[in-house]
Amino acid sequence: MKLNSLKQKGKYTGVTAQDVSVPLCTPDGAVQSRKASQFLGLLRNQRGYTLIEAMVLTVVLAAMVATIYTGVIYADKQTRLNYRHRVATFIASGEIEKQYTIFMKTGRFMPFTGKEVFIDDITDDVVKGSVTVSVKEDVEYNVSKIYPYFYLIVDVVWVDPISKKRNKVTLREDFYDVEGKVNP
């Protein structure tokens, strides 16, 4: 009732949201206006995603997650393997230093076979290995001189608990007998 009386008196113009003009900027900087009904029509005509599109998106995302997960697992295995190789290298290097120290004190090397060592005790699977030190003697010829030397070979061997593969790190150090002293 009241609405009709306002229309009759001219106070109500009957403007709807579709009749409001919206300013737009053109590429050259000019301002144009369009009616809101043109924009509402664009919004009404938009269609959503189909079920096929949603399923394809899900499959693509699942493949990406699986790829990333596989990469993380592979990187973790490689990190553990590299860690164990590094530890075995440090153990072998330490044995070479120990043998050199023994030789400097006693005048001879002390080879041994199968000494048990820990390669990795950080994880739940404790990885044990064995160290073998062997000493060999040889000579090197240079022009007219003969240089006798000893060489130590240190092998660190262990079995990986996951892959069940045998791993081995071997280091060799030569010790030359120069003027009655062994110099590394």
C-alpha atoms as a PDB file:
ATOM      1  CA  MET A   1       0.000   0.000   0.000  1.00  0.00           C
ATOM      2  CA  LYS A   2       2.604   2.455   0.991  1.00  0.00           C
ATOM      3  CA  LEU A   3       4.685   1.632  -2.089  1.00  0.00           C
ATOM      4  CA  ASN A   4       1.820   2.566  -4.411  1.00  0.00           C
ATOM      5  CA  SER A   5       1.283   5.827  -2.616  1.00  0.00           C
ATOM      6  CA  LEU A   6       4.996   6.696  -2.932  1.00  0.00           C
ATOM      7  CA  LYS A   7       4.924   5.936  -6.640  1.00  0.00           C
ATOM      8  CA  GLN A   8       1.950   8.155  -7.121  1.00  0.00           C
ATOM      9  CA  LYS A   9       3.556  11.032  -5.281  1.00  0.00           C
ATOM     10  CA  GLY A  10       6.744  10.621  -7.363  1.00  0.00           C
ATOM     11  CA  LYS A  11       9.040  10.022  -4.447  1.00  0.00           C
ATOM     12  CA  TYR A  12       9.799   6.422  -5.427  1.00  0.00           C
ATOM     13  CA  THR A  13      11.437   6.087  -8.807  1.00  0.00           C
ATOM     14  CA  GLY A  14      11.385   2.287  -9.070  1.00  0.00           C
ATOM     15  CA  VAL A  15      15.120   1.912  -9.713  1.00  0.00           C
ATOM     16  CA  THR A  16      16.363  -1.652  -9.382  1.00  0.00           C
ATOM     17  CA  ALA A  17      19.899  -3.017  -9.046  1.00  0.00           C
ATOM     18  CA  GLN A  18      19.802  -3.945 -12.724  1.00  0.00           C
ATOM     19  CA  ASP A  19      19.288  -0.333 -13.765  1.00  0.00           C
ATOM     20  CA  VAL A  20      22.305   1.044 -11.851  1.00  0.00           C
ATOM     21  CA  SER A  21      25.200   1.968 -14.125  1.00  0.00           C
ATOM     22  CA  VAL A  22      28.669   0.707 -13.295  1.00  0.00           C
ATOM     23  CA  PRO A  23      31.764   2.712 -14.377  1.00  0.00           C
ATOM     24  CA  LEU A  24      34.360   0.835 -16.475  1.00  0.00           C
ATOM     25  CA  CYS A  25      37.831   1.897 -17.549  1.00  0.00           C
ATOM     26  CA  THR A  26      38.812   1.201 -21.165  1.00  0.00           C
ATOM     27  CA  PRO A  27      42.397   0.468 -22.251  1.00  0.00           C
ATOM     28  CA  ASP A  28      42.871   4.050 -23.422  1.00  0.00           C
ATOM     29  CA  GLY A  29      41.876   5.393 -20.000  1.00  0.00           C
ATOM     30  CA  ALA A  30      38.379   6.583 -20.853  1.00  0.00           C
ATOM     31  CA  VAL A  31      35.556   5.827 -18.430  1.00  0.00           C
ATOM     32  CA  GLN A  32      32.447   4.155 -19.764  1.00  0.00           C
ATOM     33  CA  SER A  33      29.408   3.029 -17.886  1.00  0.00           C
ATOM     34  CA  ARG A  34      27.412  -0.132 -18.308  1.00  0.00           C
ATOM     35  CA  LYS A  35      24.285  -1.298 -16.678  1.00  0.00           C
ATOM     36  CA  ALA A  36      24.583  -3.806 -13.855  1.00  0.00           C
ATOM     37  CA  SER A  37      22.156  -6.082 -15.675  1.00  0.00           C
ATOM     38  CA  GLN A  38      24.852  -6.823 -18.250  1.00  0.00           C
ATOM     39  CA  PHE A  39      27.197  -8.038 -15.493  1.00  0.00           C
ATOM     40  CA  LEU A  40      24.488 -10.035 -13.764  1.00  0.00           C
ATOM     41  CA  GLY A  41      23.801 -11.773 -17.045  1.00  0.00           C
ATOM     42  CA  LEU A  42      27.468 -12.772 -17.277  1.00  0.00           C
ATOM     43  CA  LEU A  43      27.370 -14.210 -13.785  1.00  0.00           C
ATOM     44  CA  ARG A  44      24.210 -16.151 -14.469  1.00  0.00           C
ATOM     45  CA  ASN A  45      25.688 -17.720 -17.617  1.00  0.00           C
ATOM     46  CA  GLN A  46      28.825 -19.087 -15.906  1.00  0.00           C
ATOM     47  CA  ARG A  47      28.872 -22.869 -15.624  1.00  0.00           C
ATOM     48  CA  GLY A  48      30.610 -24.829 -12.836  1.00  0.00           C
ATOM     49  CA  TYR A  49      33.033 -27.752 -13.018  1.00  0.00           C
ATOM     50  CA  THR A  50      31.732 -30.976 -14.388  1.00  0.00           C
ATOM     51  CA  LEU A  51      32.201 -34.255 -12.573  1.00  0.00           C
ATOM     52  CA  ILE A  52      34.749 -35.398 -15.175  1.00  0.00           C
ATOM     53  CA  GLU A  53      36.841 -32.233 -14.661  1.00  0.00           C
ATOM     54  CA  ALA A  54      36.768 -32.714 -10.891  1.00  0.00           C
ATOM     55  CA  MET A  55      37.835 -36.360 -11.242  1.00  0.00           C
ATOM     56  CA  VAL A  56      40.695 -35.473 -13.600  1.00  0.00           C
ATOM     57  CA  LEU A  57      41.867 -32.800 -11.158  1.00  0.00           C
ATOM     58  CA  THR A  58      41.736 -35.334  -8.318  1.00  0.00           C
ATOM     59  CA  VAL A  59      43.765 -37.883 -10.303  1.00  0.00           C
ATOM     60  CA  VAL A  60      46.387 -35.263 -11.237  1.00  0.00           C
ATOM     61  CA  LEU A  61      46.708 -34.097  -7.623  1.00  0.00           C
ATOM     62  CA  ALA A  62      46.961 -37.706  -6.386  1.00  0.00           C
ATOM     63  CA  ALA A  63      49.718 -38.415  -8.929  1.00  0.00           C
ATOM     64  CA  MET A  64      51.622 -35.303  -7.801  1.00  0.00           C
ATOM     65  CA  VAL A  65      51.348 -36.269  -4.124  1.00  0.00           C
ATOM     66  CA  ALA A  66      52.458 -39.852  -4.893  1.00  0.00           C
ATOM     67  CA  THR A  67      55.447 -38.556  -6.870  1.00  0.00           C
ATOM     68  CA  ILE A  68      56.506 -36.212  -4.084  1.00  0.00           C
ATOM     69  CA  TYR A  69      56.082 -38.972  -1.484  1.00  0.00           C
ATOM     70  CA  THR A  70      58.171 -41.388  -3.558  1.00  0.00           C
ATOM     71  CA  GLY A  71      60.877 -38.739  -3.898  1.00  0.00           C
ATOM     72  CA  VAL A  72      60.951 -38.155  -0.151  1.00  0.00           C
ATOM     73  CA  ILE A  73      61.236 -41.894   0.580  1.00  0.00           C
ATOM     74  CA  TYR A  74      64.053 -42.269  -1.975  1.00  0.00           C
ATOM     75  CA  ALA A  75      65.889 -39.248  -0.545  1.00  0.00           C
ATOM     76  CA  ASP A  76      65.606 -40.712   2.969  1.00  0.00           C
ATOM     77  CA  LYS A  77      67.106 -44.042   1.834  1.00  0.00           C
ATOM     78  CA  GLN A  78      69.947 -42.282   0.027  1.00  0.00           C
ATOM     79  CA  THR A  79      70.654 -40.109   3.056  1.00  0.00           C
ATOM     80  CA  ARG A  80      70.927 -43.189   5.285  1.00  0.00           C
ATOM     81  CA  LEU A  81      73.162 -44.969   2.783  1.00  0.00           C
ATOM     82  CA  ASN A  82      75.426 -41.910   2.429  1.00  0.00           C
ATOM     83  CA  TYR A  83      75.593 -41.557   6.216  1.00  0.00           C
ATOM     84  CA  ARG A  84      76.672 -45.182   6.615  1.00  0.00           C
ATOM     85  CA  HIS A  85      79.323 -44.843   3.901  1.00  0.00           C
ATOM     86  CA  ARG A  86      80.662 -41.714   5.568  1.00  0.00           C
ATOM     87  CA  VAL A  87      80.816 -43.440   8.971  1.00  0.00           C
ATOM     88  CA  ALA A  88      82.613 -46.430   7.427  1.00  0.00           C
ATOM     89  CA  THR A  89      85.103 -44.082   5.757  1.00  0.00           C
ATOM     90  CA  PHE A  90      85.801 -42.379   9.106  1.00  0.00           C
ATOM     91  CA  ILE A  91      86.285 -45.754  10.791  1.00  0.00           C
ATOM     92  CA  ALA A  92      88.745 -46.872   8.092  1.00  0.00           C
ATOM     93  CA  SER A  93      90.624 -43.565   8.272  1.00  0.00           C
ATOM     94  CA  GLY A  94      90.844 -43.868  12.043  1.00  0.00           C
ATOM     95  CA  GLU A  95      92.278 -47.388  11.734  1.00  0.00           C
ATOM     96  CA  ILE A  96      94.967 -46.116   9.352  1.00  0.00           C
ATOM     97  CA  GLU A  97      95.908 -43.385  11.836  1.00  0.00           C
ATOM     98  CA  LYS A  98      95.948 -45.905  14.678  1.00  0.00           C
ATOM     99  CA  GLN A  99      98.206 -48.273  12.694  1.00  0.00           C
ATOM    100  CA  TYR A 100     100.601 -45.428  11.917  1.00  0.00           C
ATOM    101  CA  THR A 101     100.761 -44.500  15.605  1.00  0.00           C
ATOM    102  CA  ILE A 102     101.376 -48.131  16.577  1.00  0.00           C
ATOM    103  CA  PHE A 103     104.149 -48.378  13.992  1.00  0.00           C
ATOM    104  CA  MET A 104     105.839 -45.210  15.251  1.00  0.00           C
ATOM    105  CA  LYS A 105     105.836 -46.613  18.832  1.00  0.00           C
ATOM    106  CA  THR A 106     106.584 -50.288  18.216  1.00  0.00           C
ATOM    107  CA  GLY A 107     108.210 -50.361  14.779  1.00  0.00           C
ATOM    108  CA  ARG A 108     105.609 -52.684  13.243  1.00  0.00           C
ATOM    109  CA  PHE A 109     102.001 -52.680  12.070  1.00  0.00           C
ATOM    110  CA  MET A 110      99.299 -54.741  13.811  1.00  0.00           C
ATOM    111  CA  PRO A 111      96.986 -56.219  11.158  1.00  0.00           C
ATOM    112  CA  PHE A 112      93.746 -57.910  12.186  1.00  0.00           C
ATOM    113  CA  THR A 113      90.607 -59.404  10.665  1.00  0.00           C
ATOM    114  CA  GLY A 114      86.931 -59.087  11.515  1.00  0.00           C
ATOM    115  CA  LYS A 115      86.885 -56.526  14.317  1.00  0.00           C
ATOM    116  CA  GLU A 116      83.233 -55.634  14.972  1.00  0.00           C
ATOM    117  CA  VAL A 117      82.203 -51.969  14.703  1.00  0.00           C
ATOM    118  CA  PHE A 118      78.937 -50.030  14.826  1.00  0.00           C
ATOM    119  CA  ILE A 119      78.089 -48.345  11.538  1.00  0.00           C
ATOM    120  CA  ASP A 120      74.683 -46.920  12.463  1.00  0.00           C
ATOM    121  CA  ASP A 121      73.018 -47.073  15.860  1.00  0.00           C
ATOM    122  CA  ILE A 122      70.812 -44.000  15.446  1.00  0.00           C
ATOM    123  CA  THR A 123      67.845 -45.802  13.875  1.00  0.00           C
ATOM    124  CA  ASP A 124      65.913 -48.753  15.285  1.00  0.00           C
ATOM    125  CA  ASP A 125      67.964 -51.151  13.152  1.00  0.00           C
ATOM    126  CA  VAL A 126      71.466 -51.205  14.597  1.00  0.00           C
ATOM    127  CA  VAL A 127      73.901 -51.738  11.726  1.00  0.00           C
ATOM    128  CA  LYS A 128      77.099 -53.545  12.656  1.00  0.00           C
ATOM    129  CA  GLY A 129      80.048 -54.137  10.410  1.00  0.00           C
ATOM    130  CA  SER A 130      83.529 -55.558  10.495  1.00  0.00           C
ATOM    131  CA  VAL A 131      86.953 -54.011   9.931  1.00  0.00           C
ATOM    132  CA  THR A 132      89.921 -55.777   8.425  1.00  0.00           C
ATOM    133  CA  VAL A 133      93.427 -54.299   8.300  1.00  0.00           C
ATOM    134  CA  SER A 134      96.040 -55.940   6.079  1.00  0.00           C
ATOM    135  CA  VAL A 135      99.658 -54.897   5.545  1.00  0.00           C
ATOM    136  CA  LYS A 136     101.651 -55.562   2.397  1.00  0.00           C
ATOM    137  CA  GLU A 137     105.170 -54.689   1.373  1.00  0.00           C
ATOM    138  CA  ASP A 138     106.362 -53.594  -2.067  1.00  0.00           C
ATOM    139  CA  VAL A 139     109.047 -51.522  -3.800  1.00  0.00           C
ATOM    140  CA  GLU A 140     108.839 -48.636  -6.204  1.00  0.00           C
ATOM    141  CA  TYR A 141     111.452 -47.933  -8.830  1.00  0.00           C
ATOM    142  CA  ASN A 142     112.363 -44.378  -9.721  1.00  0.00           C
ATOM    143  CA  VAL A 143     115.238 -43.834 -12.160  1.00  0.00           C
ATOM    144  CA  SER A 144     118.102 -45.618 -10.407  1.00  0.00           C
ATOM    145  CA  LYS A 145     116.712 -45.822  -6.879  1.00  0.00           C
ATOM    146  CA  ILE A 146     114.553 -48.402  -5.205  1.00  0.00           C
ATOM    147  CA  TYR A 147     112.058 -47.211  -2.628  1.00  0.00           C
ATOM    148  CA  PRO A 148     110.611 -49.897  -0.363  1.00  0.00           C
ATOM    149  CA  TYR A 149     107.230 -49.166   1.156  1.00  0.00           C
ATOM    150  CA  PHE A 150     104.425 -50.710   3.166  1.00  0.00           C
ATOM    151  CA  TYR A 151     100.814 -50.218   2.336  1.00  0.00           C
ATOM    152  CA  LEU A 152      97.849 -50.701   4.565  1.00  0.00           C
ATOM    153  CA  ILE A 153      94.476 -51.742   3.222  1.00  0.00           C
ATOM    154  CA  VAL A 154      91.517 -51.189   5.524  1.00  0.00           C
ATOM    155  CA  ASP A 155      88.167 -52.742   4.590  1.00  0.00           C
ATOM    156  CA  VAL A 156      84.941 -51.909   6.380  1.00  0.00           C
ATOM    157  CA  VAL A 157      82.085 -54.249   5.445  1.00  0.00           C
ATOM    158  CA  TRP A 158      78.419 -54.225   6.496  1.00  0.00           C
ATOM    159  CA  VAL A 159      75.028 -55.455   5.296  1.00  0.00           C
ATOM    160  CA  ASP A 160      72.263 -52.913   4.800  1.00  0.00           C
ATOM    161  CA  PRO A 161      69.235 -54.013   6.879  1.00  0.00           C
ATOM    162  CA  ILE A 162      66.634 -52.826   4.350  1.00  0.00           C
ATOM    163  CA  SER A 163      68.080 -53.832   0.987  1.00  0.00           C
ATOM    164  CA  LYS A 164      70.145 -56.759   2.387  1.00  0.00           C
ATOM    165  CA  LYS A 165      73.005 -55.667   0.118  1.00  0.00           C
ATOM    166  CA  ARG A 166      76.618 -55.984   1.180  1.00  0.00           C
ATOM    167  CA  ASN A 167      78.434 -52.639   1.312  1.00  0.00           C
ATOM    168  CA  LYS A 168      82.166 -52.111   1.489  1.00  0.00           C
ATOM    169  CA  VAL A 169      84.504 -49.172   1.955  1.00  0.00           C
ATOM    170  CA  THR A 170      88.207 -49.710   1.238  1.00  0.00           C
ATOM    171  CA  LEU A 171      91.015 -47.275   2.016  1.00  0.00           C
ATOM    172  CA  ARG A 172      94.687 -47.705   1.183  1.00  0.00           C
ATOM    173  CA  GLU A 173      97.622 -45.758   2.592  1.00  0.00           C
ATOM    174  CA  ASP A 174     101.246 -46.065   1.482  1.00  0.00           C
ATOM    175  CA  PHE A 175     104.112 -45.662   3.973  1.00  0.00           C
ATOM    176  CA  TYR A 176     107.597 -45.189   2.464  1.00  0.00           C
ATOM    177  CA  ASP A 177     110.784 -46.133   4.299  1.00  0.00           C
ATOM    178  CA  VAL A 178     112.947 -43.038   3.860  1.00  0.00           C
ATOM    179  CA  GLU A 179     116.155 -42.824   5.883  1.00  0.00           C
ATOM    180  CA  GLY A 180     114.983 -45.402   8.388  1.00  0.00           C
ATOM    181  CA  LYS A 181     111.686 -43.633   9.057  1.00  0.00           C
ATOM    182  CA  VAL A 182     108.286 -44.430   7.690  1.00  0.00           C
ATOM    183  CA  ASN A 183     106.705 -41.323   6.209  1.00  0.00           C
ATOM    184  CA  PRO A 184     103.103 -41.314   5.093  1.00  0.00           C
END
